[in-house]
Amino acid sequence: MPDLNKVKASLKARMEELGVRVDQIEHDLREPHSQDWGENATESEGDQVLEGLEEAGLDEINQIRAALTRIKNDTYGICSDCSEVIPEGRLLALPYATTCVNCAE
């Protein structure tokens, strides 16, 4: 099992980084579009990409919050499907993993 204090610190730092990124995306999405039709179309496509990035960031933030809750509840590192211990290597690669490798497949 990885050092939970290090995991918590890493998760909180990642969540803060994602929060800044999501805030910047929100700011960018509020910017007015060009009056030129061609540029407006390009900006709209860019907005779709930004919205996808924002959604992915918010999803990761939610996964991190859930992992922090599992740490607090002493259930971190336990597979939610089979209740076996999630291997440390998986947790190092994906610190908010909820399932072991076998159940994830």
PDB file of N, CA and C in Angstrom:
ATOM      1  N   MET A   1       0.858  -1.182   0.000  1.00  0.00           N
ATOM      2  CA  MET A   1       0.000   0.000   0.000  1.00  0.00           C
ATOM      3  C   MET A   1       0.902   1.242   0.000  1.00  0.00           C
ATOM      4  N   PRO A   2       0.625   2.175  -0.897  1.00  0.00           N
ATOM      5  CA  PRO A   2       1.430   3.404  -0.925  1.00  0.00           C
ATOM      6  C   PRO A   2       1.215   4.239   0.339  1.00  0.00           C
ATOM      7  N   ASP A   3       2.144   5.147   0.587  1.00  0.00           N
ATOM      8  CA  ASP A   3       2.047   6.067   1.719  1.00  0.00           C
ATOM      9  C   ASP A   3       0.828   6.972   1.505  1.00  0.00           C
ATOM     10  N   LEU A   4      -0.171   6.837   2.350  1.00  0.00           N
ATOM     11  CA  LEU A   4      -1.433   7.561   2.169  1.00  0.00           C
ATOM     12  C   LEU A   4      -1.276   9.072   2.296  1.00  0.00           C
ATOM     13  N   ASN A   5      -0.331   9.516   3.119  1.00  0.00           N
ATOM     14  CA  ASN A   5      -0.108  10.965   3.219  1.00  0.00           C
ATOM     15  C   ASN A   5       0.413  11.524   1.897  1.00  0.00           C
ATOM     16  N   LYS A   6       1.298  10.772   1.252  1.00  0.00           N
ATOM     17  CA  LYS A   6       1.811  11.202  -0.054  1.00  0.00           C
ATOM     18  C   LYS A   6       0.708  11.150  -1.111  1.00  0.00           C
ATOM     19  N   VAL A   7      -0.108  10.116  -1.046  1.00  0.00           N
ATOM     20  CA  VAL A   7      -1.218   9.980  -1.997  1.00  0.00           C
ATOM     21  C   VAL A   7      -2.182  11.156  -1.837  1.00  0.00           C
ATOM     22  N   LYS A   8      -2.537  11.459  -0.580  1.00  0.00           N
ATOM     23  CA  LYS A   8      -3.444  12.588  -0.336  1.00  0.00           C
ATOM     24  C   LYS A   8      -2.862  13.886  -0.853  1.00  0.00           C
ATOM     25  N   ALA A   9      -1.606  14.136  -0.580  1.00  0.00           N
ATOM     26  CA  ALA A   9      -0.965  15.370  -1.029  1.00  0.00           C
ATOM     27  C   ALA A   9      -0.944  15.441  -2.550  1.00  0.00           C
ATOM     28  N   SER A  10      -0.639  14.343  -3.176  1.00  0.00           N
ATOM     29  CA  SER A  10      -0.603  14.293  -4.639  1.00  0.00           C
ATOM     30  C   SER A  10      -1.989  14.513  -5.238  1.00  0.00           C
ATOM     31  N   LEU A  11      -2.982  13.864  -4.661  1.00  0.00           N
ATOM     32  CA  LEU A  11      -4.357  14.017  -5.150  1.00  0.00           C
ATOM     33  C   LEU A  11      -4.855  15.457  -4.976  1.00  0.00           C
ATOM     34  N   LYS A  12      -4.547  16.045  -3.824  1.00  0.00           N
ATOM     35  CA  LYS A  12      -4.984  17.426  -3.584  1.00  0.00           C
ATOM     36  C   LYS A  12      -4.285  18.391  -4.539  1.00  0.00           C
ATOM     37  N   ALA A  13      -3.004  18.164  -4.804  1.00  0.00           N
ATOM     38  CA  ALA A  13      -2.275  19.024  -5.743  1.00  0.00           C
ATOM     39  C   ALA A  13      -2.855  18.890  -7.143  1.00  0.00           C
ATOM     40  N   ARG A  14      -3.158  17.669  -7.553  1.00  0.00           N
ATOM     41  CA  ARG A  14      -3.757  17.450  -8.880  1.00  0.00           C
ATOM     42  C   ARG A  14      -5.129  18.100  -8.967  1.00  0.00           C
ATOM     43  N   MET A  15      -5.912  18.001  -7.903  1.00  0.00           N
ATOM     44  CA  MET A  15      -7.241  18.599  -7.894  1.00  0.00           C
ATOM     45  C   MET A  15      -7.142  20.117  -8.007  1.00  0.00           C
ATOM     46  N   GLU A  16      -6.174  20.711  -7.332  1.00  0.00           N
ATOM     47  CA  GLU A  16      -5.984  22.161  -7.411  1.00  0.00           C
ATOM     48  C   GLU A  16      -5.575  22.563  -8.835  1.00  0.00           C
ATOM     49  N   GLU A  17      -4.667  21.801  -9.423  1.00  0.00           N
ATOM     50  CA  GLU A  17      -4.228  22.066 -10.795  1.00  0.00           C
ATOM     51  C   GLU A  17      -5.408  21.981 -11.766  1.00  0.00           C
ATOM     52  N   LEU A  18      -6.228  20.955 -11.594  1.00  0.00           N
ATOM     53  CA  LEU A  18      -7.397  20.804 -12.459  1.00  0.00           C
ATOM     54  C   LEU A  18      -8.402  21.929 -12.245  1.00  0.00           C
ATOM     55  N   GLY A  19      -8.562  22.360 -11.004  1.00  0.00           N
ATOM     56  CA  GLY A  19      -9.478  23.466 -10.708  1.00  0.00           C
ATOM     57  C   GLY A  19      -9.067  24.731 -11.426  1.00  0.00           C
ATOM     58  N   VAL A  20      -7.773  25.028 -11.425  1.00  0.00           N
ATOM     59  CA  VAL A  20      -7.262  26.206 -12.131  1.00  0.00           C
ATOM     60  C   VAL A  20      -7.529  26.064 -13.625  1.00  0.00           C
ATOM     61  N   ARG A  21      -7.273  24.872 -14.156  1.00  0.00           N
ATOM     62  CA  ARG A  21      -7.485  24.635 -15.579  1.00  0.00           C
ATOM     63  C   ARG A  21      -8.960  24.783 -15.961  1.00  0.00           C
ATOM     64  N   VAL A  22      -9.854  24.224 -15.152  1.00  0.00           N
ATOM     65  CA  VAL A  22     -11.288  24.319 -15.425  1.00  0.00           C
ATOM     66  C   VAL A  22     -11.750  25.776 -15.345  1.00  0.00           C
ATOM     67  N   ASP A  23     -11.242  26.509 -14.371  1.00  0.00           N
ATOM     68  CA  ASP A  23     -11.586  27.932 -14.258  1.00  0.00           C
ATOM     69  C   ASP A  23     -11.147  28.706 -15.493  1.00  0.00           C
ATOM     70  N   GLN A  24      -9.962  28.397 -16.013  1.00  0.00           N
ATOM     71  CA  GLN A  24      -9.465  29.071 -17.214  1.00  0.00           C
ATOM     72  C   GLN A  24     -10.326  28.725 -18.425  1.00  0.00           C
ATOM     73  N   ILE A  25     -10.729  27.478 -18.513  1.00  0.00           N
ATOM     74  CA  ILE A  25     -11.606  27.066 -19.614  1.00  0.00           C
ATOM     75  C   ILE A  25     -12.928  27.812 -19.527  1.00  0.00           C
ATOM     76  N   GLU A  26     -13.493  27.899 -18.327  1.00  0.00           N
ATOM     77  CA  GLU A  26     -14.747  28.639 -18.141  1.00  0.00           C
ATOM     78  C   GLU A  26     -14.583  30.086 -18.604  1.00  0.00           C
ATOM     79  N   HIS A  27     -13.476  30.685 -18.237  1.00  0.00           N
ATOM     80  CA  HIS A  27     -13.203  32.071 -18.642  1.00  0.00           C
ATOM     81  C   HIS A  27     -13.135  32.166 -20.160  1.00  0.00           C
ATOM     82  N   ASP A  28     -12.420  31.240 -20.785  1.00  0.00           N
ATOM     83  CA  ASP A  28     -12.274  31.252 -22.239  1.00  0.00           C
ATOM     84  C   ASP A  28     -13.611  31.049 -22.939  1.00  0.00           C
ATOM     85  N   LEU A  29     -14.460  30.207 -22.371  1.00  0.00           N
ATOM     86  CA  LEU A  29     -15.765  29.951 -22.985  1.00  0.00           C
ATOM     87  C   LEU A  29     -16.688  31.161 -22.899  1.00  0.00           C
ATOM     88  N   ARG A  30     -16.462  32.029 -21.931  1.00  0.00           N
ATOM     89  CA  ARG A  30     -17.302  33.229 -21.781  1.00  0.00           C
ATOM     90  C   ARG A  30     -16.882  34.359 -22.713  1.00  0.00           C
ATOM     91  N   GLU A  31     -15.716  34.222 -23.345  1.00  0.00           N
ATOM     92  CA  GLU A  31     -15.240  35.270 -24.252  1.00  0.00           C
ATOM     93  C   GLU A  31     -16.199  35.394 -25.438  1.00  0.00           C
ATOM     94  N   PRO A  32     -16.504  36.620 -25.846  1.00  0.00           N
ATOM     95  CA  PRO A  32     -17.404  36.801 -26.991  1.00  0.00           C
ATOM     96  C   PRO A  32     -16.743  36.306 -28.282  1.00  0.00           C
ATOM     97  N   HIS A  33     -17.575  35.826 -29.185  1.00  0.00           N
ATOM     98  CA  HIS A  33     -17.088  35.331 -30.467  1.00  0.00           C
ATOM     99  C   HIS A  33     -16.966  36.479 -31.462  1.00  0.00           C
ATOM    100  N   SER A  34     -16.189  36.230 -32.487  1.00  0.00           N
ATOM    101  CA  SER A  34     -15.972  37.192 -33.556  1.00  0.00           C
ATOM    102  C   SER A  34     -17.271  37.418 -34.332  1.00  0.00           C
ATOM    103  N   GLN A  35     -17.400  38.585 -34.921  1.00  0.00           N
ATOM    104  CA  GLN A  35     -18.555  38.883 -35.765  1.00  0.00           C
ATOM    105  C   GLN A  35     -18.406  38.252 -37.150  1.00  0.00           C
ATOM    106  N   ASP A  36     -17.178  37.915 -37.533  1.00  0.00           N
ATOM    107  CA  ASP A  36     -16.923  37.294 -38.827  1.00  0.00           C
ATOM    108  C   ASP A  36     -17.446  35.862 -38.795  1.00  0.00           C
ATOM    109  N   TRP A  37     -18.254  35.496 -39.792  1.00  0.00           N
ATOM    110  CA  TRP A  37     -18.908  34.192 -39.796  1.00  0.00           C
ATOM    111  C   TRP A  37     -17.892  33.057 -39.796  1.00  0.00           C
ATOM    112  N   GLY A  38     -16.862  33.141 -40.621  1.00  0.00           N
ATOM    113  CA  GLY A  38     -15.850  32.090 -40.704  1.00  0.00           C
ATOM    114  C   GLY A  38     -15.096  31.915 -39.398  1.00  0.00           C
ATOM    115  N   GLU A  39     -14.687  33.028 -38.826  1.00  0.00           N
ATOM    116  CA  GLU A  39     -13.978  32.957 -37.546  1.00  0.00           C
ATOM    117  C   GLU A  39     -14.896  32.455 -36.445  1.00  0.00           C
ATOM    118  N   ASN A  40     -16.149  32.855 -36.499  1.00  0.00           N
ATOM    119  CA  ASN A  40     -17.129  32.423 -35.504  1.00  0.00           C
ATOM    120  C   ASN A  40     -17.278  30.903 -35.542  1.00  0.00           C
ATOM    121  N   ALA A  41     -17.324  30.331 -36.747  1.00  0.00           N
ATOM    122  CA  ALA A  41     -17.456  28.875 -36.877  1.00  0.00           C
ATOM    123  C   ALA A  41     -16.243  28.174 -36.273  1.00  0.00           C
ATOM    124  N   THR A  42     -15.057  28.704 -36.534  1.00  0.00           N
ATOM    125  CA  THR A  42     -13.830  28.125 -35.981  1.00  0.00           C
ATOM    126  C   THR A  42     -13.826  28.240 -34.463  1.00  0.00           C
ATOM    127  N   GLU A  43     -14.246  29.380 -33.951  1.00  0.00           N
ATOM    128  CA  GLU A  43     -14.303  29.570 -32.499  1.00  0.00           C
ATOM    129  C   GLU A  43     -15.310  28.622 -31.861  1.00  0.00           C
ATOM    130  N   SER A  44     -16.421  28.373 -32.543  1.00  0.00           N
ATOM    131  CA  SER A  44     -17.430  27.447 -32.009  1.00  0.00           C
ATOM    132  C   SER A  44     -16.869  26.032 -31.922  1.00  0.00           C
ATOM    133  N   GLU A  45     -16.095  25.628 -32.935  1.00  0.00           N
ATOM    134  CA  GLU A  45     -15.451  24.314 -32.882  1.00  0.00           C
ATOM    135  C   GLU A  45     -14.467  24.257 -31.714  1.00  0.00           C
ATOM    136  N   GLY A  46     -13.732  25.340 -31.532  1.00  0.00           N
ATOM    137  CA  GLY A  46     -12.801  25.413 -30.402  1.00  0.00           C
ATOM    138  C   GLY A  46     -13.525  25.309 -29.071  1.00  0.00           C
ATOM    139  N   ASP A  47     -14.703  25.920 -28.999  1.00  0.00           N
ATOM    140  CA  ASP A  47     -15.501  25.842 -27.769  1.00  0.00           C
ATOM    141  C   ASP A  47     -15.910  24.400 -27.471  1.00  0.00           C
ATOM    142  N   GLN A  48     -16.227  23.646 -28.514  1.00  0.00           N
ATOM    143  CA  GLN A  48     -16.600  22.242 -28.302  1.00  0.00           C
ATOM    144  C   GLN A  48     -15.439  21.456 -27.715  1.00  0.00           C
ATOM    145  N   VAL A  49     -14.244  21.738 -28.204  1.00  0.00           N
ATOM    146  CA  VAL A  49     -13.058  21.073 -27.660  1.00  0.00           C
ATOM    147  C   VAL A  49     -12.863  21.481 -26.198  1.00  0.00           C
ATOM    148  N   LEU A  50     -12.996  22.772 -25.928  1.00  0.00           N
ATOM    149  CA  LEU A  50     -12.837  23.262 -24.551  1.00  0.00           C
ATOM    150  C   LEU A  50     -13.867  22.637 -23.619  1.00  0.00           C
ATOM    151  N   GLU A  51     -15.098  22.509 -24.090  1.00  0.00           N
ATOM    152  CA  GLU A  51     -16.146  21.904 -23.262  1.00  0.00           C
ATOM    153  C   GLU A  51     -15.813  20.451 -22.947  1.00  0.00           C
ATOM    154  N   GLY A  52     -15.235  19.736 -23.906  1.00  0.00           N
ATOM    155  CA  GLY A  52     -14.815  18.356 -23.664  1.00  0.00           C
ATOM    156  C   GLY A  52     -13.706  18.288 -22.627  1.00  0.00           C
ATOM    157  N   LEU A  53     -12.747  19.206 -22.740  1.00  0.00           N
ATOM    158  CA  LEU A  53     -11.653  19.259 -21.767  1.00  0.00           C
ATOM    159  C   LEU A  53     -12.176  19.619 -20.379  1.00  0.00           C
ATOM    160  N   GLU A  54     -13.125  20.539 -20.339  1.00  0.00           N
ATOM    161  CA  GLU A  54     -13.714  20.930 -19.054  1.00  0.00           C
ATOM    162  C   GLU A  54     -14.432  19.744 -18.417  1.00  0.00           C
ATOM    163  N   GLU A  55     -15.201  19.020 -19.207  1.00  0.00           N
ATOM    164  CA  GLU A  55     -15.935  17.868 -18.693  1.00  0.00           C
ATOM    165  C   GLU A  55     -14.976  16.802 -18.164  1.00  0.00           C
ATOM    166  N   ALA A  56     -13.899  16.553 -18.902  1.00  0.00           N
ATOM    167  CA  ALA A  56     -12.905  15.571 -18.458  1.00  0.00           C
ATOM    168  C   ALA A  56     -12.243  16.027 -17.155  1.00  0.00           C
ATOM    169  N   GLY A  57     -11.934  17.316 -17.052  1.00  0.00           N
ATOM    170  CA  GLY A  57     -11.332  17.854 -15.832  1.00  0.00           C
ATOM    171  C   GLY A  57     -12.258  17.721 -14.637  1.00  0.00           C
ATOM    172  N   LEU A  58     -13.531  18.054 -14.841  1.00  0.00           N
ATOM    173  CA  LEU A  58     -14.507  17.942 -13.752  1.00  0.00           C
ATOM    174  C   LEU A  58     -14.705  16.485 -13.345  1.00  0.00           C
ATOM    175  N   ASP A  59     -14.690  15.588 -14.306  1.00  0.00           N
ATOM    176  CA  ASP A  59     -14.820  14.161 -14.007  1.00  0.00           C
ATOM    177  C   ASP A  59     -13.639  13.679 -13.161  1.00  0.00           C
ATOM    178  N   GLU A  60     -12.435  14.106 -13.535  1.00  0.00           N
ATOM    179  CA  GLU A  60     -11.252  13.704 -12.764  1.00  0.00           C
ATOM    180  C   GLU A  60     -11.292  14.287 -11.360  1.00  0.00           C
ATOM    181  N   ILE A  61     -11.756  15.525 -11.226  1.00  0.00           N
ATOM    182  CA  ILE A  61     -11.898  16.141  -9.900  1.00  0.00           C
ATOM    183  C   ILE A  61     -12.847  15.301  -9.043  1.00  0.00           C
ATOM    184  N   ASN A  62     -13.951  14.863  -9.615  1.00  0.00           N
ATOM    185  CA  ASN A  62     -14.909  14.043  -8.865  1.00  0.00           C
ATOM    186  C   ASN A  62     -14.291  12.708  -8.452  1.00  0.00           C
ATOM    187  N   GLN A  63     -13.484  12.113  -9.338  1.00  0.00           N
ATOM    188  CA  GLN A  63     -12.823  10.854  -8.999  1.00  0.00           C
ATOM    189  C   GLN A  63     -11.811  11.064  -7.867  1.00  0.00           C
ATOM    190  N   ILE A  64     -11.121  12.187  -7.905  1.00  0.00           N
ATOM    191  CA  ILE A  64     -10.150  12.501  -6.850  1.00  0.00           C
ATOM    192  C   ILE A  64     -10.864  12.711  -5.520  1.00  0.00           C
ATOM    193  N   ARG A  65     -11.960  13.435  -5.543  1.00  0.00           N
ATOM    194  CA  ARG A  65     -12.738  13.637  -4.301  1.00  0.00           C
ATOM    195  C   ARG A  65     -13.191  12.310  -3.726  1.00  0.00           C
ATOM    196  N   ALA A  66     -13.640  11.408  -4.595  1.00  0.00           N
ATOM    197  CA  ALA A  66     -14.078  10.089  -4.130  1.00  0.00           C
ATOM    198  C   ALA A  66     -12.905   9.318  -3.535  1.00  0.00           C
ATOM    199  N   ALA A  67     -11.726   9.417  -4.135  1.00  0.00           N
ATOM    200  CA  ALA A  67     -10.538   8.740  -3.600  1.00  0.00           C
ATOM    201  C   ALA A  67     -10.165   9.302  -2.237  1.00  0.00           C
ATOM    202  N   LEU A  68     -10.251  10.619  -2.092  1.00  0.00           N
ATOM    203  CA  LEU A  68      -9.949  11.239  -0.793  1.00  0.00           C
ATOM    204  C   LEU A  68     -10.945  10.781   0.271  1.00  0.00           C
ATOM    205  N   THR A  69     -12.184  10.603  -0.125  1.00  0.00           N
ATOM    206  CA  THR A  69     -13.199  10.096   0.799  1.00  0.00           C
ATOM    207  C   THR A  69     -12.879   8.661   1.196  1.00  0.00           C
ATOM    208  N   ARG A  70     -12.434   7.850   0.220  1.00  0.00           N
ATOM    209  CA  ARG A  70     -12.062   6.459   0.546  1.00  0.00           C
ATOM    210  C   ARG A  70     -10.872   6.423   1.494  1.00  0.00           C
ATOM    211  N   ILE A  71      -9.918   7.333   1.307  1.00  0.00           N
ATOM    212  CA  ILE A  71      -8.781   7.398   2.235  1.00  0.00           C
ATOM    213  C   ILE A  71      -9.288   7.722   3.633  1.00  0.00           C
ATOM    214  N   LYS A  72     -10.168   8.697   3.722  1.00  0.00           N
ATOM    215  CA  LYS A  72     -10.725   9.100   5.020  1.00  0.00           C
ATOM    216  C   LYS A  72     -11.495   7.956   5.682  1.00  0.00           C
ATOM    217  N   ASN A  73     -12.185   7.153   4.872  1.00  0.00           N
ATOM    218  CA  ASN A  73     -13.016   6.064   5.398  1.00  0.00           C
ATOM    219  C   ASN A  73     -12.266   4.734   5.510  1.00  0.00           C
ATOM    220  N   ASP A  74     -10.943   4.773   5.287  1.00  0.00           N
ATOM    221  CA  ASP A  74     -10.114   3.566   5.351  1.00  0.00           C
ATOM    222  C   ASP A  74     -10.546   2.481   4.357  1.00  0.00           C
ATOM    223  N   THR A  75     -11.074   2.884   3.209  1.00  0.00           N
ATOM    224  CA  THR A  75     -11.435   1.920   2.172  1.00  0.00           C
ATOM    225  C   THR A  75     -10.609   2.126   0.907  1.00  0.00           C
ATOM    226  N   TYR A  76      -9.636   3.024   0.973  1.00  0.00           N
ATOM    227  CA  TYR A  76      -8.778   3.282  -0.180  1.00  0.00           C
ATOM    228  C   TYR A  76      -7.931   2.048  -0.470  1.00  0.00           C
ATOM    229  N   GLY A  77      -7.839   1.690  -1.742  1.00  0.00           N
ATOM    230  CA  GLY A  77      -7.021   0.547  -2.132  1.00  0.00           C
ATOM    231  C   GLY A  77      -7.745  -0.781  -2.056  1.00  0.00           C
ATOM    232  N   ILE A  78      -9.043  -0.737  -1.782  1.00  0.00           N
ATOM    233  CA  ILE A  78      -9.856  -1.952  -1.741  1.00  0.00           C
ATOM    234  C   ILE A  78     -10.774  -1.928  -2.964  1.00  0.00           C
ATOM    235  N   CYS A  79     -10.769  -3.019  -3.730  1.00  0.00           N
ATOM    236  CA  CYS A  79     -11.581  -3.100  -4.939  1.00  0.00           C
ATOM    237  C   CYS A  79     -13.066  -3.015  -4.587  1.00  0.00           C
ATOM    238  N   SER A  80     -13.763  -2.138  -5.292  1.00  0.00           N
ATOM    239  CA  SER A  80     -15.193  -1.959  -5.017  1.00  0.00           C
ATOM    240  C   SER A  80     -16.030  -3.127  -5.539  1.00  0.00           C
ATOM    241  N   ASP A  81     -15.453  -3.966  -6.404  1.00  0.00           N
ATOM    242  CA  ASP A  81     -16.206  -5.108  -6.937  1.00  0.00           C
ATOM    243  C   ASP A  81     -15.976  -6.387  -6.138  1.00  0.00           C
ATOM    244  N   CYS A  82     -14.692  -6.719  -5.887  1.00  0.00           N
ATOM    245  CA  CYS A  82     -14.394  -8.010  -5.255  1.00  0.00           C
ATOM    246  C   CYS A  82     -13.858  -7.887  -3.828  1.00  0.00           C
ATOM    247  N   SER A  83     -13.621  -6.670  -3.361  1.00  0.00           N
ATOM    248  CA  SER A  83     -13.118  -6.382  -2.020  1.00  0.00           C
ATOM    249  C   SER A  83     -11.680  -6.851  -1.781  1.00  0.00           C
ATOM    250  N   GLU A  84     -10.966  -7.188  -2.837  1.00  0.00           N
ATOM    251  CA  GLU A  84      -9.549  -7.535  -2.719  1.00  0.00           C
ATOM    252  C   GLU A  84      -8.720  -6.250  -2.724  1.00  0.00           C
ATOM    253  N   VAL A  85      -7.470  -6.356  -2.309  1.00  0.00           N
ATOM    254  CA  VAL A  85      -6.570  -5.212  -2.300  1.00  0.00           C
ATOM    255  C   VAL A  85      -6.170  -4.875  -3.738  1.00  0.00           C
ATOM    256  N   ILE A  86      -6.248  -3.592  -4.070  1.00  0.00           N
ATOM    257  CA  ILE A  86      -5.801  -3.131  -5.383  1.00  0.00           C
ATOM    258  C   ILE A  86      -4.274  -3.070  -5.340  1.00  0.00           C
ATOM    259  N   PRO A  87      -3.584  -3.681  -6.324  1.00  0.00           N
ATOM    260  CA  PRO A  87      -2.120  -3.673  -6.311  1.00  0.00           C
ATOM    261  C   PRO A  87      -1.548  -2.253  -6.278  1.00  0.00           C
ATOM    262  N   GLU A  88      -0.441  -2.104  -5.549  1.00  0.00           N
ATOM    263  CA  GLU A  88       0.186  -0.793  -5.384  1.00  0.00           C
ATOM    264  C   GLU A  88       0.548  -0.175  -6.730  1.00  0.00           C
ATOM    265  N   GLY A  89       1.018  -0.983  -7.662  1.00  0.00           N
ATOM    266  CA  GLY A  89       1.377  -0.467  -8.981  1.00  0.00           C
ATOM    267  C   GLY A  89       0.207   0.187  -9.683  1.00  0.00           C
ATOM    268  N   ARG A  90      -0.967  -0.398  -9.546  1.00  0.00           N
ATOM    269  CA  ARG A  90      -2.177   0.190 -10.156  1.00  0.00           C
ATOM    270  C   ARG A  90      -2.519   1.513  -9.482  1.00  0.00           C
ATOM    271  N   LEU A  91      -2.398   1.548  -8.160  1.00  0.00           N
ATOM    272  CA  LEU A  91      -2.701   2.781  -7.431  1.00  0.00           C
ATOM    273  C   LEU A  91      -1.684   3.884  -7.740  1.00  0.00           C
ATOM    274  N   LEU A  92      -0.440   3.494  -7.978  1.00  0.00           N
ATOM    275  CA  LEU A  92       0.564   4.494  -8.344  1.00  0.00           C
ATOM    276  C   LEU A  92       0.276   5.053  -9.734  1.00  0.00           C
ATOM    277  N   ALA A  93      -0.190   4.195 -10.635  1.00  0.00           N
ATOM    278  CA  ALA A  93      -0.493   4.641 -11.992  1.00  0.00           C
ATOM    279  C   ALA A  93      -1.810   5.407 -12.049  1.00  0.00           C
ATOM    280  N   LEU A  94      -2.777   4.969 -11.275  1.00  0.00           N
ATOM    281  CA  LEU A  94      -4.113   5.575 -11.278  1.00  0.00           C
ATOM    282  C   LEU A  94      -4.579   5.695  -9.829  1.00  0.00           C
ATOM    283  N   PRO A  95      -4.163   6.769  -9.140  1.00  0.00           N
ATOM    284  CA  PRO A  95      -4.402   6.861  -7.696  1.00  0.00           C
ATOM    285  C   PRO A  95      -5.872   6.888  -7.278  1.00  0.00           C
ATOM    286  N   TYR A  96      -6.771   7.107  -8.202  1.00  0.00           N
ATOM    287  CA  TYR A  96      -8.193   7.096  -7.853  1.00  0.00           C
ATOM    288  C   TYR A  96      -8.901   5.848  -8.374  1.00  0.00           C
ATOM    289  N   ALA A  97      -8.113   4.799  -8.661  1.00  0.00           N
ATOM    290  CA  ALA A  97      -8.695   3.532  -9.113  1.00  0.00           C
ATOM    291  C   ALA A  97      -9.628   2.967  -8.048  1.00  0.00           C
ATOM    292  N   THR A  98     -10.740   2.426  -8.502  1.00  0.00           N
ATOM    293  CA  THR A  98     -11.703   1.835  -7.567  1.00  0.00           C
ATOM    294  C   THR A  98     -11.770   0.320  -7.679  1.00  0.00           C
ATOM    295  N   THR A  99     -11.123  -0.227  -8.723  1.00  0.00           N
ATOM    296  CA  THR A  99     -11.160  -1.660  -8.927  1.00  0.00           C
ATOM    297  C   THR A  99      -9.751  -2.209  -9.146  1.00  0.00           C
ATOM    298  N   CYS A 100      -9.593  -3.477  -8.837  1.00  0.00           N
ATOM    299  CA  CYS A 100      -8.329  -4.145  -9.104  1.00  0.00           C
ATOM    300  C   CYS A 100      -8.226  -4.393 -10.615  1.00  0.00           C
ATOM    301  N   VAL A 101      -7.080  -4.860 -11.053  1.00  0.00           N
ATOM    302  CA  VAL A 101      -6.852  -5.084 -12.481  1.00  0.00           C
ATOM    303  C   VAL A 101      -7.838  -6.118 -13.030  1.00  0.00           C
ATOM    304  N   ASN A 102      -8.046  -7.206 -12.302  1.00  0.00           N
ATOM    305  CA  ASN A 102      -8.944  -8.253 -12.784  1.00  0.00           C
ATOM    306  C   ASN A 102     -10.373  -7.755 -12.968  1.00  0.00           C
ATOM    307  N   CYS A 103     -10.872  -6.999 -12.010  1.00  0.00           N
ATOM    308  CA  CYS A 103     -12.244  -6.482 -12.109  1.00  0.00           C
ATOM    309  C   CYS A 103     -12.354  -5.362 -13.149  1.00  0.00           C
ATOM    310  N   ALA A 104     -11.273  -4.637 -13.363  1.00  0.00           N
ATOM    311  CA  ALA A 104     -11.302  -3.555 -14.352  1.00  0.00           C
ATOM    312  C   ALA A 104     -11.400  -4.112 -15.776  1.00  0.00           C
ATOM    313  N   GLU A 105     -10.874  -5.327 -15.979  1.00  0.00           N
ATOM    314  CA  GLU A 105     -10.926  -5.942 -17.303  1.00  0.00           C
ATOM    315  C   GLU A 105     -12.296  -6.464 -17.521  1.00  0.00           C
TER     316      GLU A 105
END
